[in-house]
Amino acid sequence: MSKTFKSKTVRQPDPARLRRLAGTQGEHAVVGEVLDSADGFICWELNPAYAAWFWPLMHKATELVLSIPESELEPLQLGDSVAAPRAPTEEEKDEILKLPERTEDSTRVYALTLKGKPAMVRKAFPTRTANMRALQFFQQRLNGQSNS
């Protein structure tokens, strides 16, 4: 007996709306799509694979949108990679879990959906934040630097 699964159509990002995290570039750029903006904040949709860097023990995400200050993003440049990030290793997961969670490093999560689950967060659920130091850690790993 075969099972029929519904397949969700994957929306392709609009290249004109892609922005990178300020300070990242080239093959190590952290790139997402701007969905909306208001009051100096942008709804920035990242590849859901980045969720493993924010929350290494969570199930696989299928949607990740952050509410980030406009000043933290910059236009995409020629040569910036839009590829999904690699998954963190077990050692990296341990290090991510030990990162200090400081208010100044946190940004609000606008939307978060896990595979096979209803949306956990919608429209800036006030208690879910992402530690942006995890992306700095990701950058250091890609650039071959040690965590300081």
C-alpha atoms as a PDB file:
ATOM      1  CA  MET A   1       0.000   0.000   0.000  1.00  0.00           C
ATOM      2  CA  SER A   2       1.542   3.318  -1.000  1.00  0.00           C
ATOM      3  CA  LYS A   3       1.109   6.557   0.868  1.00  0.00           C
ATOM      4  CA  THR A   4       0.435   9.853  -0.810  1.00  0.00           C
ATOM      5  CA  PHE A   5       2.106  12.878   0.739  1.00  0.00           C
ATOM      6  CA  LYS A   6       1.164  16.476   0.157  1.00  0.00           C
ATOM      7  CA  SER A   7       4.098  18.448  -1.103  1.00  0.00           C
ATOM      8  CA  LYS A   8       4.332  22.096  -0.233  1.00  0.00           C
ATOM      9  CA  THR A   9       5.397  24.292  -3.130  1.00  0.00           C
ATOM     10  CA  VAL A  10       8.722  25.876  -2.296  1.00  0.00           C
ATOM     11  CA  ARG A  11       8.657  29.616  -2.915  1.00  0.00           C
ATOM     12  CA  GLN A  12      11.778  30.933  -4.586  1.00  0.00           C
ATOM     13  CA  PRO A  13      13.213  34.093  -3.005  1.00  0.00           C
ATOM     14  CA  ASP A  14      13.057  37.347  -4.940  1.00  0.00           C
ATOM     15  CA  PRO A  15      16.712  38.272  -5.713  1.00  0.00           C
ATOM     16  CA  ALA A  16      15.861  41.984  -5.462  1.00  0.00           C
ATOM     17  CA  ARG A  17      14.804  41.486  -1.818  1.00  0.00           C
ATOM     18  CA  LEU A  18      17.851  39.533  -0.634  1.00  0.00           C
ATOM     19  CA  ARG A  19      20.016  41.162   2.053  1.00  0.00           C
ATOM     20  CA  ARG A  20      23.032  39.911   3.979  1.00  0.00           C
ATOM     21  CA  LEU A  21      23.866  40.306   7.620  1.00  0.00           C
ATOM     22  CA  ALA A  22      26.190  43.307   7.965  1.00  0.00           C
ATOM     23  CA  GLY A  23      29.811  42.235   8.160  1.00  0.00           C
ATOM     24  CA  THR A  24      29.341  38.944   6.326  1.00  0.00           C
ATOM     25  CA  GLN A  25      30.360  38.491   2.711  1.00  0.00           C
ATOM     26  CA  GLY A  26      31.296  36.137  -0.105  1.00  0.00           C
ATOM     27  CA  GLU A  27      30.900  32.423   0.406  1.00  0.00           C
ATOM     28  CA  HIS A  28      30.354  33.036   4.136  1.00  0.00           C
ATOM     29  CA  ALA A  29      27.576  35.613   3.758  1.00  0.00           C
ATOM     30  CA  VAL A  30      24.472  35.116   5.903  1.00  0.00           C
ATOM     31  CA  VAL A  31      21.748  35.925   3.381  1.00  0.00           C
ATOM     32  CA  GLY A  32      17.993  36.170   3.780  1.00  0.00           C
ATOM     33  CA  GLU A  33      15.003  37.734   2.058  1.00  0.00           C
ATOM     34  CA  VAL A  34      13.325  40.917   3.271  1.00  0.00           C
ATOM     35  CA  LEU A  35       9.597  40.205   3.542  1.00  0.00           C
ATOM     36  CA  ASP A  36       8.364  43.400   5.190  1.00  0.00           C
ATOM     37  CA  SER A  37       9.596  46.436   7.090  1.00  0.00           C
ATOM     38  CA  ALA A  38       8.119  48.808   9.648  1.00  0.00           C
ATOM     39  CA  ASP A  39       9.443  51.148  12.330  1.00  0.00           C
ATOM     40  CA  GLY A  40      13.112  50.407  11.584  1.00  0.00           C
ATOM     41  CA  PHE A  41      12.711  46.619  11.755  1.00  0.00           C
ATOM     42  CA  ILE A  42      12.720  44.107   8.919  1.00  0.00           C
ATOM     43  CA  CYS A  43      11.107  40.684   8.706  1.00  0.00           C
ATOM     44  CA  TRP A  44      14.086  38.766   7.356  1.00  0.00           C
ATOM     45  CA  GLU A  45      13.492  35.207   6.167  1.00  0.00           C
ATOM     46  CA  LEU A  46      16.533  32.979   6.509  1.00  0.00           C
ATOM     47  CA  ASN A  47      17.110  29.533   5.123  1.00  0.00           C
ATOM     48  CA  PRO A  48      15.555  27.288   7.823  1.00  0.00           C
ATOM     49  CA  ALA A  49      18.876  25.417   8.116  1.00  0.00           C
ATOM     50  CA  TYR A  50      20.157  28.390  10.173  1.00  0.00           C
ATOM     51  CA  ALA A  51      17.781  27.330  12.980  1.00  0.00           C
ATOM     52  CA  ALA A  52      20.200  24.501  13.832  1.00  0.00           C
ATOM     53  CA  TRP A  53      22.797  27.167  14.689  1.00  0.00           C
ATOM     54  CA  PHE A  54      20.385  29.127  16.921  1.00  0.00           C
ATOM     55  CA  TRP A  55      18.774  26.108  18.622  1.00  0.00           C
ATOM     56  CA  PRO A  56      20.964  23.018  18.088  1.00  0.00           C
ATOM     57  CA  LEU A  57      18.678  20.621  19.996  1.00  0.00           C
ATOM     58  CA  MET A  58      15.466  21.568  18.175  1.00  0.00           C
ATOM     59  CA  HIS A  59      13.801  19.507  15.447  1.00  0.00           C
ATOM     60  CA  LYS A  60      14.472  20.528  11.839  1.00  0.00           C
ATOM     61  CA  ALA A  61      12.898  23.880  10.985  1.00  0.00           C
ATOM     62  CA  THR A  62      10.966  24.486   7.783  1.00  0.00           C
ATOM     63  CA  GLU A  63      10.542  28.250   8.260  1.00  0.00           C
ATOM     64  CA  LEU A  64      12.618  30.890  10.052  1.00  0.00           C
ATOM     65  CA  VAL A  65      11.899  34.627   9.967  1.00  0.00           C
ATOM     66  CA  LEU A  66      13.617  37.112  12.288  1.00  0.00           C
ATOM     67  CA  SER A  67      12.542  40.648  13.148  1.00  0.00           C
ATOM     68  CA  ILE A  68      15.877  42.435  12.853  1.00  0.00           C
ATOM     69  CA  PRO A  69      16.890  46.128  12.924  1.00  0.00           C
ATOM     70  CA  GLU A  70      17.304  47.530   9.410  1.00  0.00           C
ATOM     71  CA  SER A  71      20.804  48.740  10.340  1.00  0.00           C
ATOM     72  CA  GLU A  72      22.015  45.135  10.749  1.00  0.00           C
ATOM     73  CA  LEU A  73      21.451  44.288   7.081  1.00  0.00           C
ATOM     74  CA  GLU A  74      23.174  45.422   3.897  1.00  0.00           C
ATOM     75  CA  PRO A  75      22.638  44.851   0.172  1.00  0.00           C
ATOM     76  CA  LEU A  76      23.772  41.602  -1.377  1.00  0.00           C
ATOM     77  CA  GLN A  77      26.989  41.909  -3.379  1.00  0.00           C
ATOM     78  CA  LEU A  78      28.317  39.953  -6.323  1.00  0.00           C
ATOM     79  CA  GLY A  79      29.934  36.777  -5.006  1.00  0.00           C
ATOM     80  CA  ASP A  80      27.772  36.473  -1.875  1.00  0.00           C
ATOM     81  CA  SER A  81      26.578  32.917  -1.392  1.00  0.00           C
ATOM     82  CA  VAL A  82      22.884  32.231  -0.886  1.00  0.00           C
ATOM     83  CA  ALA A  83      23.483  28.525  -0.180  1.00  0.00           C
ATOM     84  CA  ALA A  84      22.113  26.884   2.958  1.00  0.00           C
ATOM     85  CA  PRO A  85      24.578  26.674   5.844  1.00  0.00           C
ATOM     86  CA  ARG A  86      26.031  23.332   6.843  1.00  0.00           C
ATOM     87  CA  ALA A  87      24.719  21.745  10.006  1.00  0.00           C
ATOM     88  CA  PRO A  88      26.764  22.252  13.177  1.00  0.00           C
ATOM     89  CA  THR A  89      28.896  19.346  14.370  1.00  0.00           C
ATOM     90  CA  GLU A  90      28.240  17.781  17.789  1.00  0.00           C
ATOM     91  CA  GLU A  91      31.215  19.717  19.191  1.00  0.00           C
ATOM     92  CA  GLU A  92      29.848  22.972  17.751  1.00  0.00           C
ATOM     93  CA  LYS A  93      26.392  22.250  19.173  1.00  0.00           C
ATOM     94  CA  ASP A  94      27.943  21.914  22.635  1.00  0.00           C
ATOM     95  CA  GLU A  95      29.754  25.231  22.199  1.00  0.00           C
ATOM     96  CA  ILE A  96      26.601  26.992  20.928  1.00  0.00           C
ATOM     97  CA  LEU A  97      24.654  25.788  23.955  1.00  0.00           C
ATOM     98  CA  LYS A  98      27.316  27.383  26.180  1.00  0.00           C
ATOM     99  CA  LEU A  99      27.144  30.805  24.492  1.00  0.00           C
ATOM    100  CA  PRO A 100      25.983  33.488  26.922  1.00  0.00           C
ATOM    101  CA  GLU A 101      22.485  34.788  26.220  1.00  0.00           C
ATOM    102  CA  ARG A 102      22.645  38.536  26.557  1.00  0.00           C
ATOM    103  CA  THR A 103      19.761  40.860  25.743  1.00  0.00           C
ATOM    104  CA  GLU A 104      21.941  42.964  23.435  1.00  0.00           C
ATOM    105  CA  ASP A 105      22.760  39.867  21.338  1.00  0.00           C
ATOM    106  CA  SER A 106      19.151  38.753  20.933  1.00  0.00           C
ATOM    107  CA  THR A 107      16.701  39.463  18.171  1.00  0.00           C
ATOM    108  CA  ARG A 108      13.018  38.567  18.037  1.00  0.00           C
ATOM    109  CA  VAL A 109      11.784  35.608  16.058  1.00  0.00           C
ATOM    110  CA  TYR A 110       8.903  36.599  13.775  1.00  0.00           C
ATOM    111  CA  ALA A 111       8.040  33.104  12.500  1.00  0.00           C
ATOM    112  CA  LEU A 112       9.305  29.627  13.292  1.00  0.00           C
ATOM    113  CA  THR A 113       7.890  26.342  11.995  1.00  0.00           C
ATOM    114  CA  LEU A 114       9.292  22.896  12.679  1.00  0.00           C
ATOM    115  CA  LYS A 115       8.956  19.951  10.326  1.00  0.00           C
ATOM    116  CA  GLY A 116       5.674  18.119  10.912  1.00  0.00           C
ATOM    117  CA  LYS A 117       4.448  20.654  13.492  1.00  0.00           C
ATOM    118  CA  PRO A 118       2.099  23.646  13.363  1.00  0.00           C
ATOM    119  CA  ALA A 119       3.787  27.047  13.390  1.00  0.00           C
ATOM    120  CA  MET A 120       5.279  27.601  16.870  1.00  0.00           C
ATOM    121  CA  VAL A 121       5.758  31.293  16.477  1.00  0.00           C
ATOM    122  CA  ARG A 122       3.798  33.745  14.386  1.00  0.00           C
ATOM    123  CA  LYS A 123       3.999  37.504  14.210  1.00  0.00           C
ATOM    124  CA  ALA A 124       6.773  38.226  16.669  1.00  0.00           C
ATOM    125  CA  PHE A 125       5.775  35.982  19.548  1.00  0.00           C
ATOM    126  CA  PRO A 126       7.310  38.053  22.348  1.00  0.00           C
ATOM    127  CA  THR A 127       9.221  35.367  24.259  1.00  0.00           C
ATOM    128  CA  ARG A 128      11.117  33.624  21.426  1.00  0.00           C
ATOM    129  CA  THR A 129      14.450  35.225  20.573  1.00  0.00           C
ATOM    130  CA  ALA A 130      17.477  34.154  18.583  1.00  0.00           C
ATOM    131  CA  ASN A 131      20.981  34.661  19.963  1.00  0.00           C
ATOM    132  CA  MET A 132      22.818  36.451  17.144  1.00  0.00           C
ATOM    133  CA  ARG A 133      26.130  35.376  18.725  1.00  0.00           C
ATOM    134  CA  ALA A 134      25.344  31.955  17.231  1.00  0.00           C
ATOM    135  CA  LEU A 135      25.719  33.492  13.756  1.00  0.00           C
ATOM    136  CA  GLN A 136      29.009  35.090  14.824  1.00  0.00           C
ATOM    137  CA  PHE A 137      30.144  31.656  16.020  1.00  0.00           C
ATOM    138  CA  PHE A 138      29.055  30.188  12.669  1.00  0.00           C
ATOM    139  CA  GLN A 139      31.114  32.841  10.844  1.00  0.00           C
ATOM    140  CA  GLN A 140      34.180  32.135  12.975  1.00  0.00           C
ATOM    141  CA  ARG A 141      33.908  28.425  12.213  1.00  0.00           C
ATOM    142  CA  LEU A 142      33.620  29.061   8.488  1.00  0.00           C
ATOM    143  CA  ASN A 143      36.569  31.413   8.554  1.00  0.00           C
ATOM    144  CA  GLY A 144      38.674  28.917  10.515  1.00  0.00           C
ATOM    145  CA  GLN A 145      39.004  31.118  13.578  1.00  0.00           C
ATOM    146  CA  SER A 146      38.747  29.887  17.142  1.00  0.00           C
ATOM    147  CA  ASN A 147      35.898  31.026  19.360  1.00  0.00           C
ATOM    148  CA  SER A 148      36.906  33.904  21.583  1.00  0.00           C
END
